[in-house]
Every structure is written in C-alpha cells, then in structure tokens.
Amino acid sequence: MAKLKGILKIEGTLDELTFYKTQDGHLVKTKGGVSAERIANDPNFQRTRENGAEFGSSATAGKLLRNAVRNLMMNAADNRVTSRLTQIMTQIKNYDVTSPRGERTVAIGIADPAALALLKDFDFNDSAALGGVLFAPFTVTGVSGAINIPAFIPINDIAYPSGATHVSFKSAYAVVDFTNGTSAIEYSPVTNLPIDGTNTPVTLTPAGVPAGTGTKFYLMLIEFFQEVNGVQYSLKNGAYNVLNIVEVA
C-alpha cells in the first residue's frame, strides 16, 4: 500500500489502481488477485481461513461490548474505536490455549486475568483519555459498581477544555456474556457540577446490579458543557468527553 504525495488527490479506480482517502492521507492499492472462492476452498489457504474465522469472532466480541455501552458511546467515542477494540479482542482471543487454531475465542481467552487486564483503562475516545483529564483519585466498589471520588475540586482536579463551565459524571455497570452473546447494563444518575473551586465529593452508584452472568465492566463517563443563559451545551459535539473502562472483572 502506497501513499500519494503529489498535488492530485484522486479517489476511485484507475487502471486497476484504487485511490482512496483515510485519516492517514490519500492511499493507493492494487487490485486484489485471489478470488473469494479460492480462499474458501483451496487447501493452500487453510491458515487464511482459520485467521479469518478468529478475526471475525474477535470483531463480534468487540461489537457485543460496544452495543452494551452504546448509550454512553454516543457521547464519547472516536471514529477508530471499532478497530482499536477489535485489536484488543484479538489479543484476548490468543489467551484461549485450549481450542484448536481457527476456533479460539474471546469467550474462553477472557477467563485469563492477563486478558482481562487488556481491557482495563480502555478509552473509547482516544483523544480524551481518562488519565489525562481526571487527576483526583477514585475507588470502585465491585459489588454495587459504585465509583467514589472522595475529594474533588473541579478547577484543580480536571483538565477542562477552553470555554467549559460545567462538568458532569456518570457511571455504568455492565455484564457481558461473550459465550451467549448477551449483555445488561445499569447506569448511575448524572452528577453535574460547575467548574470552580468548590470541594465536592462525587459518588456514582448505578441503579442496580445488571442481570445475567459474564464479564463485569465498570465505566465512567465525563462530559463538558458551556452554560449560556441558563442552558448547558455540549462542547464541540462531545469531542472532549471521556468514556473509560475503570475496572473489569
């Protein structure tokens, strides 16, 4: 795959070369030479089929998690979150040491504590990582899913974007069953605060414990707003908002 550096920025197909635009610039690739039928049936492509099956399974696992937290992602996610999460799920799949090649799954691999650790601190918005926004220490209570920030002074304890007058916090407790493809989630009420020097402890307690069994995800959403005439408006359509998996079990 090559990158165009010239003045002309072409998009489309020309003489079996496909030109297209990505976030990394204008790229060009040649037309593929192997048919889908050959890949599906030729013994020489057995490894390709196995890799494809496992990649598809990992992508499905990533989609299951994204769907579980979609209501939160609507306010805080970058346009590469799908590929970034699929990459992590592919790594988790590798912790499945019991299934044959081509049949390894996230559902089995995620039982390994090292695999779980790959999802902790995952930021759905790579442009607004929790570690670069919130500086106050917090704790997570596994039984209830409550997140507690015992001492929080907004003007000191967050990196807020220019123009922001208010910040809000919300938490979620999700259970995702990667074996059966099911999920459930509970949310906390929103805590909205002015960005000032007031010390305000923050406690985010989900409405209940989500039904079902599976992997437990504890998430924190931070959103920034600008108040104008008593109405709060999201800054830059949520570009500065944070959504992070603060704990996983």
C-alpha atoms as a PDB file:
ATOM      1  CA  MET A   1       0.000   0.000   0.000  1.00  0.00           C
ATOM      2  CA  ALA A   2       1.417   3.362  -1.048  1.00  0.00           C
ATOM      3  CA  LYS A   3       0.702   6.939  -0.003  1.00  0.00           C
ATOM      4  CA  LEU A   4       0.163   9.738  -2.511  1.00  0.00           C
ATOM      5  CA  LYS A   5       2.437  12.746  -2.101  1.00  0.00           C
ATOM      6  CA  GLY A   6       1.646  14.633  -5.290  1.00  0.00           C
ATOM      7  CA  ILE A   7      -0.708  17.530  -5.899  1.00  0.00           C
ATOM      8  CA  LEU A   8      -3.502  15.434  -7.450  1.00  0.00           C
ATOM      9  CA  LYS A   9      -5.783  13.788  -4.886  1.00  0.00           C
ATOM     10  CA  ILE A  10      -7.667  11.083  -6.798  1.00  0.00           C
ATOM     11  CA  GLU A  11     -10.430   8.899  -5.387  1.00  0.00           C
ATOM     12  CA  GLY A  12     -11.703   5.858  -7.278  1.00  0.00           C
ATOM     13  CA  THR A  13     -10.252   3.181  -9.577  1.00  0.00           C
ATOM     14  CA  LEU A  14      -7.921   3.865 -12.487  1.00  0.00           C
ATOM     15  CA  ASP A  15      -6.034   1.195 -14.469  1.00  0.00           C
ATOM     16  CA  GLU A  16      -6.533  -1.395 -11.688  1.00  0.00           C
ATOM     17  CA  LEU A  17      -5.254   1.044  -9.055  1.00  0.00           C
ATOM     18  CA  THR A  18      -7.680   2.060  -6.317  1.00  0.00           C
ATOM     19  CA  PHE A  19      -7.225   5.513  -4.813  1.00  0.00           C
ATOM     20  CA  TYR A  20      -8.929   6.311  -1.527  1.00  0.00           C
ATOM     21  CA  LYS A  21      -8.772   8.745   1.364  1.00  0.00           C
ATOM     22  CA  THR A  22      -8.208   7.854   5.028  1.00  0.00           C
ATOM     23  CA  GLN A  23      -7.274   9.731   8.172  1.00  0.00           C
ATOM     24  CA  ASP A  24      -3.662   8.962   7.277  1.00  0.00           C
ATOM     25  CA  GLY A  25      -3.933  10.692   3.921  1.00  0.00           C
ATOM     26  CA  HIS A  26      -4.618   9.609   0.343  1.00  0.00           C
ATOM     27  CA  LEU A  27      -3.598   5.978  -0.275  1.00  0.00           C
ATOM     28  CA  VAL A  28      -3.401   3.728  -3.305  1.00  0.00           C
ATOM     29  CA  LYS A  29      -3.554  -0.061  -3.633  1.00  0.00           C
ATOM     30  CA  THR A  30      -3.545  -2.542  -6.499  1.00  0.00           C
ATOM     31  CA  LYS A  31      -6.493  -4.732  -7.393  1.00  0.00           C
ATOM     32  CA  GLY A  32      -6.529  -7.996  -5.448  1.00  0.00           C
ATOM     33  CA  GLY A  33      -5.690 -11.171  -7.368  1.00  0.00           C
ATOM     34  CA  VAL A  34      -7.200 -14.000  -5.282  1.00  0.00           C
ATOM     35  CA  SER A  35     -10.886 -14.844  -5.563  1.00  0.00           C
ATOM     36  CA  ALA A  36     -13.091 -15.393  -2.531  1.00  0.00           C
ATOM     37  CA  GLU A  37     -13.999 -18.856  -3.853  1.00  0.00           C
ATOM     38  CA  ARG A  38     -10.363 -19.924  -3.953  1.00  0.00           C
ATOM     39  CA  ILE A  39      -9.731 -18.670  -0.424  1.00  0.00           C
ATOM     40  CA  ALA A  40     -12.793 -20.588   0.786  1.00  0.00           C
ATOM     41  CA  ASN A  41     -11.841 -23.912  -0.832  1.00  0.00           C
ATOM     42  CA  ASP A  42      -8.124 -24.092  -1.680  1.00  0.00           C
ATOM     43  CA  PRO A  43      -6.142 -26.153   0.907  1.00  0.00           C
ATOM     44  CA  ASN A  44      -3.285 -23.676   0.486  1.00  0.00           C
ATOM     45  CA  PHE A  45      -5.467 -21.039   2.164  1.00  0.00           C
ATOM     46  CA  GLN A  46      -6.334 -23.133   5.221  1.00  0.00           C
ATOM     47  CA  ARG A  47      -4.394 -20.780   7.512  1.00  0.00           C
ATOM     48  CA  THR A  48      -6.074 -17.785   5.893  1.00  0.00           C
ATOM     49  CA  ARG A  49      -9.493 -19.284   6.615  1.00  0.00           C
ATOM     50  CA  GLU A  50      -8.520 -20.003  10.215  1.00  0.00           C
ATOM     51  CA  ASN A  51      -7.234 -16.478  10.721  1.00  0.00           C
ATOM     52  CA  GLY A  52     -10.364 -15.062   9.132  1.00  0.00           C
ATOM     53  CA  ALA A  53     -12.649 -17.110  11.375  1.00  0.00           C
ATOM     54  CA  GLU A  54     -10.837 -15.986  14.518  1.00  0.00           C
ATOM     55  CA  PHE A  55     -10.763 -12.371  13.397  1.00  0.00           C
ATOM     56  CA  GLY A  56     -14.493 -12.476  12.741  1.00  0.00           C
ATOM     57  CA  SER A  57     -15.112 -13.934  16.181  1.00  0.00           C
ATOM     58  CA  SER A  58     -12.984 -11.212  17.793  1.00  0.00           C
ATOM     59  CA  ALA A  59     -14.791  -8.490  15.853  1.00  0.00           C
ATOM     60  CA  THR A  60     -18.130  -9.899  17.017  1.00  0.00           C
ATOM     61  CA  ALA A  61     -16.946  -9.788  20.634  1.00  0.00           C
ATOM     62  CA  GLY A  62     -15.929  -6.164  20.214  1.00  0.00           C
ATOM     63  CA  LYS A  63     -19.313  -5.334  18.715  1.00  0.00           C
ATOM     64  CA  LEU A  64     -21.072  -7.027  21.625  1.00  0.00           C
ATOM     65  CA  LEU A  65     -19.240  -4.807  24.112  1.00  0.00           C
ATOM     66  CA  ARG A  66     -19.832  -1.678  22.037  1.00  0.00           C
ATOM     67  CA  ASN A  67     -23.536  -2.433  21.786  1.00  0.00           C
ATOM     68  CA  ALA A  68     -23.711  -2.941  25.540  1.00  0.00           C
ATOM     69  CA  VAL A  69     -22.377   0.575  26.196  1.00  0.00           C
ATOM     70  CA  ARG A  70     -23.730   2.275  23.070  1.00  0.00           C
ATOM     71  CA  ASN A  71     -25.757   4.852  25.001  1.00  0.00           C
ATOM     72  CA  LEU A  72     -22.537   6.065  26.624  1.00  0.00           C
ATOM     73  CA  MET A  73     -20.514   5.881  23.412  1.00  0.00           C
ATOM     74  CA  MET A  74     -22.944   8.253  21.719  1.00  0.00           C
ATOM     75  CA  ASN A  75     -21.426  10.989  23.873  1.00  0.00           C
ATOM     76  CA  ALA A  76     -17.775   9.913  23.941  1.00  0.00           C
ATOM     77  CA  ALA A  77     -16.125   7.834  21.209  1.00  0.00           C
ATOM     78  CA  ASP A  78     -13.627   8.391  18.422  1.00  0.00           C
ATOM     79  CA  ASN A  79     -14.050   7.105  14.870  1.00  0.00           C
ATOM     80  CA  ARG A  80     -11.428   4.394  15.345  1.00  0.00           C
ATOM     81  CA  VAL A  81     -12.876   2.806  18.448  1.00  0.00           C
ATOM     82  CA  THR A  82     -14.160  -0.205  16.488  1.00  0.00           C
ATOM     83  CA  SER A  83     -10.740  -1.138  15.107  1.00  0.00           C
ATOM     84  CA  ARG A  84      -8.975  -0.402  18.405  1.00  0.00           C
ATOM     85  CA  LEU A  85     -11.357  -2.596  20.367  1.00  0.00           C
ATOM     86  CA  THR A  86     -11.200  -5.386  17.781  1.00  0.00           C
ATOM     87  CA  GLN A  87      -7.410  -5.339  18.083  1.00  0.00           C
ATOM     88  CA  ILE A  88      -7.653  -5.863  21.841  1.00  0.00           C
ATOM     89  CA  MET A  89     -10.235  -8.623  21.436  1.00  0.00           C
ATOM     90  CA  THR A  90      -7.875 -10.345  19.011  1.00  0.00           C
ATOM     91  CA  GLN A  91      -5.159 -10.266  21.672  1.00  0.00           C
ATOM     92  CA  ILE A  92      -7.607 -11.639  24.253  1.00  0.00           C
ATOM     93  CA  LYS A  93      -8.527 -14.471  21.876  1.00  0.00           C
ATOM     94  CA  ASN A  94      -4.878 -15.535  21.929  1.00  0.00           C
ATOM     95  CA  TYR A  95      -5.251 -16.398  25.634  1.00  0.00           C
ATOM     96  CA  ASP A  96      -7.527 -19.276  24.623  1.00  0.00           C
ATOM     97  CA  VAL A  97      -4.976 -22.078  24.929  1.00  0.00           C
ATOM     98  CA  THR A  98      -7.456 -24.968  24.717  1.00  0.00           C
ATOM     99  CA  SER A  99      -9.203 -24.520  21.366  1.00  0.00           C
ATOM    100  CA  PRO A 100      -7.627 -25.549  18.033  1.00  0.00           C
ATOM    101  CA  ARG A 101      -6.326 -22.910  15.654  1.00  0.00           C
ATOM    102  CA  GLY A 102      -9.197 -21.255  13.850  1.00  0.00           C
ATOM    103  CA  GLU A 103     -11.593 -21.837  16.758  1.00  0.00           C
ATOM    104  CA  ARG A 104     -10.018 -19.761  19.545  1.00  0.00           C
ATOM    105  CA  THR A 105     -12.482 -17.317  21.089  1.00  0.00           C
ATOM    106  CA  VAL A 106     -12.651 -14.270  23.321  1.00  0.00           C
ATOM    107  CA  ALA A 107     -15.195 -16.085  25.500  1.00  0.00           C
ATOM    108  CA  ILE A 108     -12.529 -18.573  26.598  1.00  0.00           C
ATOM    109  CA  GLY A 109      -9.494 -16.299  26.480  1.00  0.00           C
ATOM    110  CA  ILE A 110     -11.048 -13.641  28.700  1.00  0.00           C
ATOM    111  CA  ALA A 111     -11.048 -16.049  31.643  1.00  0.00           C
ATOM    112  CA  ASP A 112      -7.306 -15.364  31.961  1.00  0.00           C
ATOM    113  CA  PRO A 113      -6.617 -12.416  34.328  1.00  0.00           C
ATOM    114  CA  ALA A 114      -3.943 -11.168  31.935  1.00  0.00           C
ATOM    115  CA  ALA A 115      -6.571 -10.985  29.190  1.00  0.00           C
ATOM    116  CA  LEU A 116      -8.938  -9.028  31.427  1.00  0.00           C
ATOM    117  CA  ALA A 117      -6.150  -6.559  32.142  1.00  0.00           C
ATOM    118  CA  LEU A 118      -6.025  -5.643  28.445  1.00  0.00           C
ATOM    119  CA  LEU A 119      -9.483  -4.063  28.720  1.00  0.00           C
ATOM    120  CA  LYS A 120      -8.931  -2.141  31.939  1.00  0.00           C
ATOM    121  CA  ASP A 121      -8.397   1.595  31.316  1.00  0.00           C
ATOM    122  CA  PHE A 122      -9.620   1.326  27.723  1.00  0.00           C
ATOM    123  CA  ASP A 123     -10.621   4.773  26.452  1.00  0.00           C
ATOM    124  CA  PHE A 124     -13.454   4.856  23.928  1.00  0.00           C
ATOM    125  CA  ASN A 125     -12.373   8.367  22.941  1.00  0.00           C
ATOM    126  CA  ASP A 126      -8.647   8.178  22.255  1.00  0.00           C
ATOM    127  CA  SER A 127      -8.489  11.977  22.085  1.00  0.00           C
ATOM    128  CA  ALA A 128      -9.685  12.300  25.681  1.00  0.00           C
ATOM    129  CA  ALA A 129      -8.032   9.680  27.880  1.00  0.00           C
ATOM    130  CA  LEU A 130      -9.202   9.484  31.483  1.00  0.00           C
ATOM    131  CA  GLY A 131      -5.637   9.639  32.787  1.00  0.00           C
ATOM    132  CA  GLY A 132      -5.116  12.974  31.067  1.00  0.00           C
ATOM    133  CA  VAL A 133      -8.395  14.523  32.229  1.00  0.00           C
ATOM    134  CA  LEU A 134      -9.193  13.402  35.784  1.00  0.00           C
ATOM    135  CA  PHE A 135      -6.459  13.791  38.402  1.00  0.00           C
ATOM    136  CA  ALA A 136      -8.427  13.120  41.585  1.00  0.00           C
ATOM    137  CA  PRO A 137      -8.118   9.566  42.965  1.00  0.00           C
ATOM    138  CA  PHE A 138     -11.216   7.369  42.932  1.00  0.00           C
ATOM    139  CA  THR A 139     -12.308   3.916  44.040  1.00  0.00           C
ATOM    140  CA  VAL A 140     -14.612   1.295  42.533  1.00  0.00           C
ATOM    141  CA  THR A 141     -16.847  -0.971  44.613  1.00  0.00           C
ATOM    142  CA  GLY A 142     -17.253  -4.229  42.740  1.00  0.00           C
ATOM    143  CA  VAL A 143     -20.472  -5.431  44.374  1.00  0.00           C
ATOM    144  CA  SER A 144     -22.538  -2.319  43.624  1.00  0.00           C
ATOM    145  CA  GLY A 145     -20.477  -0.823  40.820  1.00  0.00           C
ATOM    146  CA  ALA A 146     -20.262   2.475  42.716  1.00  0.00           C
ATOM    147  CA  ILE A 147     -17.441   4.878  41.845  1.00  0.00           C
ATOM    148  CA  ASN A 148     -16.376   7.274  44.588  1.00  0.00           C
ATOM    149  CA  ILE A 149     -14.248  10.412  44.220  1.00  0.00           C
ATOM    150  CA  PRO A 150     -13.861  11.431  47.882  1.00  0.00           C
ATOM    151  CA  ALA A 151     -12.342  14.856  47.263  1.00  0.00           C
ATOM    152  CA  PHE A 152     -12.966  16.694  44.018  1.00  0.00           C
ATOM    153  CA  ILE A 153     -12.210  20.334  43.237  1.00  0.00           C
ATOM    154  CA  PRO A 154     -13.126  20.786  39.553  1.00  0.00           C
ATOM    155  CA  ILE A 155     -10.850  23.710  38.782  1.00  0.00           C
ATOM    156  CA  ASN A 156      -7.847  21.756  40.126  1.00  0.00           C
ATOM    157  CA  ASP A 157      -8.689  18.108  39.507  1.00  0.00           C
ATOM    158  CA  ILE A 158      -9.688  18.027  35.842  1.00  0.00           C
ATOM    159  CA  ALA A 159      -8.115  19.220  32.611  1.00  0.00           C
ATOM    160  CA  TYR A 160     -11.101  21.004  31.113  1.00  0.00           C
ATOM    161  CA  PRO A 161     -11.318  22.443  27.589  1.00  0.00           C
ATOM    162  CA  SER A 162     -11.423  26.163  26.932  1.00  0.00           C
ATOM    163  CA  GLY A 163     -14.944  27.511  27.265  1.00  0.00           C
ATOM    164  CA  ALA A 164     -16.206  24.769  29.573  1.00  0.00           C
ATOM    165  CA  THR A 165     -18.238  25.998  32.536  1.00  0.00           C
ATOM    166  CA  HIS A 166     -19.625  22.687  33.807  1.00  0.00           C
ATOM    167  CA  VAL A 167     -18.603  19.043  34.019  1.00  0.00           C
ATOM    168  CA  SER A 168     -20.818  16.012  34.513  1.00  0.00           C
ATOM    169  CA  PHE A 169     -20.077  12.492  35.709  1.00  0.00           C
ATOM    170  CA  LYS A 170     -21.978   9.289  35.074  1.00  0.00           C
ATOM    171  CA  SER A 171     -21.072   5.670  35.718  1.00  0.00           C
ATOM    172  CA  ALA A 172     -22.282   2.351  34.374  1.00  0.00           C
ATOM    173  CA  TYR A 173     -22.068  -1.263  35.470  1.00  0.00           C
ATOM    174  CA  ALA A 174     -22.314  -3.718  32.565  1.00  0.00           C
ATOM    175  CA  VAL A 175     -22.269  -7.506  32.393  1.00  0.00           C
ATOM    176  CA  VAL A 176     -21.320  -9.019  29.043  1.00  0.00           C
ATOM    177  CA  ASP A 177     -21.586 -12.739  28.296  1.00  0.00           C
ATOM    178  CA  PHE A 178     -19.240 -13.390  25.377  1.00  0.00           C
ATOM    179  CA  THR A 179     -20.308 -17.037  25.223  1.00  0.00           C
ATOM    180  CA  ASN A 180     -24.028 -16.448  24.752  1.00  0.00           C
ATOM    181  CA  GLY A 181     -23.791 -13.006  23.144  1.00  0.00           C
ATOM    182  CA  THR A 182     -25.895 -11.233  25.766  1.00  0.00           C
ATOM    183  CA  SER A 183     -25.411  -8.134  27.894  1.00  0.00           C
ATOM    184  CA  ALA A 184     -27.098  -5.998  30.533  1.00  0.00           C
ATOM    185  CA  ILE A 185     -26.246  -2.587  31.949  1.00  0.00           C
ATOM    186  CA  GLU A 186     -27.251  -0.242  34.768  1.00  0.00           C
ATOM    187  CA  TYR A 187     -26.481   3.483  34.991  1.00  0.00           C
ATOM    188  CA  SER A 188     -25.942   5.958  37.797  1.00  0.00           C
ATOM    189  CA  PRO A 189     -27.681   9.329  37.941  1.00  0.00           C
ATOM    190  CA  VAL A 190     -25.710  12.203  36.410  1.00  0.00           C
ATOM    191  CA  THR A 191     -23.715  14.458  38.724  1.00  0.00           C
ATOM    192  CA  ASN A 192     -23.343  17.905  37.139  1.00  0.00           C
ATOM    193  CA  LEU A 193     -21.015  20.479  38.706  1.00  0.00           C
ATOM    194  CA  PRO A 194     -19.774  23.983  37.901  1.00  0.00           C
ATOM    195  CA  ILE A 195     -16.064  24.134  37.181  1.00  0.00           C
ATOM    196  CA  ASP A 196     -14.997  26.142  40.209  1.00  0.00           C
ATOM    197  CA  GLY A 197     -13.011  25.808  43.430  1.00  0.00           C
ATOM    198  CA  THR A 198     -15.693  24.061  45.471  1.00  0.00           C
ATOM    199  CA  ASN A 199     -14.649  20.763  47.050  1.00  0.00           C
ATOM    200  CA  THR A 200     -17.482  18.363  46.207  1.00  0.00           C
ATOM    201  CA  PRO A 201     -17.214  14.611  46.817  1.00  0.00           C
ATOM    202  CA  VAL A 202     -18.685  12.633  43.913  1.00  0.00           C
ATOM    203  CA  THR A 203     -20.392   9.268  44.326  1.00  0.00           C
ATOM    204  CA  LEU A 204     -21.761   7.477  41.260  1.00  0.00           C
ATOM    205  CA  THR A 205     -23.927   4.489  42.130  1.00  0.00           C
ATOM    206  CA  PRO A 206     -25.697   2.519  39.375  1.00  0.00           C
ATOM    207  CA  ALA A 207     -29.425   1.975  39.850  1.00  0.00           C
ATOM    208  CA  GLY A 208     -28.865  -1.735  40.415  1.00  0.00           C
ATOM    209  CA  VAL A 209     -26.789  -4.786  39.590  1.00  0.00           C
ATOM    210  CA  PRO A 210     -27.254  -5.845  35.952  1.00  0.00           C
ATOM    211  CA  ALA A 211     -28.890  -9.208  35.366  1.00  0.00           C
ATOM    212  CA  GLY A 212     -27.037 -12.184  33.972  1.00  0.00           C
ATOM    213  CA  THR A 213     -23.557 -13.592  34.240  1.00  0.00           C
ATOM    214  CA  GLY A 214     -20.358 -12.837  32.391  1.00  0.00           C
ATOM    215  CA  THR A 215     -17.555 -10.312  32.401  1.00  0.00           C
ATOM    216  CA  LYS A 216     -18.215  -7.262  34.563  1.00  0.00           C
ATOM    217  CA  PHE A 217     -17.353  -3.815  33.235  1.00  0.00           C
ATOM    218  CA  TYR A 218     -17.316  -0.632  35.326  1.00  0.00           C
ATOM    219  CA  LEU A 219     -17.290   2.555  33.268  1.00  0.00           C
ATOM    220  CA  MET A 220     -17.009   6.288  33.887  1.00  0.00           C
ATOM    221  CA  LEU A 221     -18.319   8.978  31.542  1.00  0.00           C
ATOM    222  CA  ILE A 222     -17.127  12.589  31.863  1.00  0.00           C
ATOM    223  CA  GLU A 223     -18.781  15.299  29.762  1.00  0.00           C
ATOM    224  CA  PHE A 224     -18.046  19.003  29.414  1.00  0.00           C
ATOM    225  CA  PHE A 225     -20.578  21.765  28.847  1.00  0.00           C
ATOM    226  CA  GLN A 226     -20.745  25.502  28.337  1.00  0.00           C
ATOM    227  CA  GLU A 227     -23.608  27.311  30.012  1.00  0.00           C
ATOM    228  CA  VAL A 228     -25.230  30.164  28.102  1.00  0.00           C
ATOM    229  CA  ASN A 229     -28.306  31.905  29.526  1.00  0.00           C
ATOM    230  CA  GLY A 230     -29.021  29.016  31.842  1.00  0.00           C
ATOM    231  CA  VAL A 231     -28.735  26.314  29.169  1.00  0.00           C
ATOM    232  CA  GLN A 232     -25.788  23.896  29.029  1.00  0.00           C
ATOM    233  CA  TYR A 233     -24.409  22.997  25.599  1.00  0.00           C
ATOM    234  CA  SER A 234     -22.034  20.127  24.841  1.00  0.00           C
ATOM    235  CA  LEU A 235     -18.618  21.354  23.729  1.00  0.00           C
ATOM    236  CA  LYS A 236     -17.656  20.501  20.147  1.00  0.00           C
ATOM    237  CA  ASN A 237     -20.229  17.689  19.959  1.00  0.00           C
ATOM    238  CA  GLY A 238     -18.536  15.759  22.747  1.00  0.00           C
ATOM    239  CA  ALA A 239     -15.024  15.775  21.279  1.00  0.00           C
ATOM    240  CA  TYR A 240     -13.549  16.387  24.749  1.00  0.00           C
ATOM    241  CA  ASN A 241     -15.678  13.815  26.580  1.00  0.00           C
ATOM    242  CA  VAL A 242     -14.198  10.792  28.333  1.00  0.00           C
ATOM    243  CA  LEU A 243     -15.512   7.213  28.454  1.00  0.00           C
ATOM    244  CA  ASN A 244     -13.234   4.764  30.214  1.00  0.00           C
ATOM    245  CA  ILE A 245     -13.402   1.180  31.499  1.00  0.00           C
ATOM    246  CA  VAL A 246     -12.146   1.910  35.006  1.00  0.00           C
ATOM    247  CA  GLU A 247     -12.359  -1.715  36.151  1.00  0.00           C
ATOM    248  CA  VAL A 248     -13.145  -5.137  34.713  1.00  0.00           C
ATOM    249  CA  ALA A 249     -13.694  -8.445  36.471  1.00  0.00           C
END
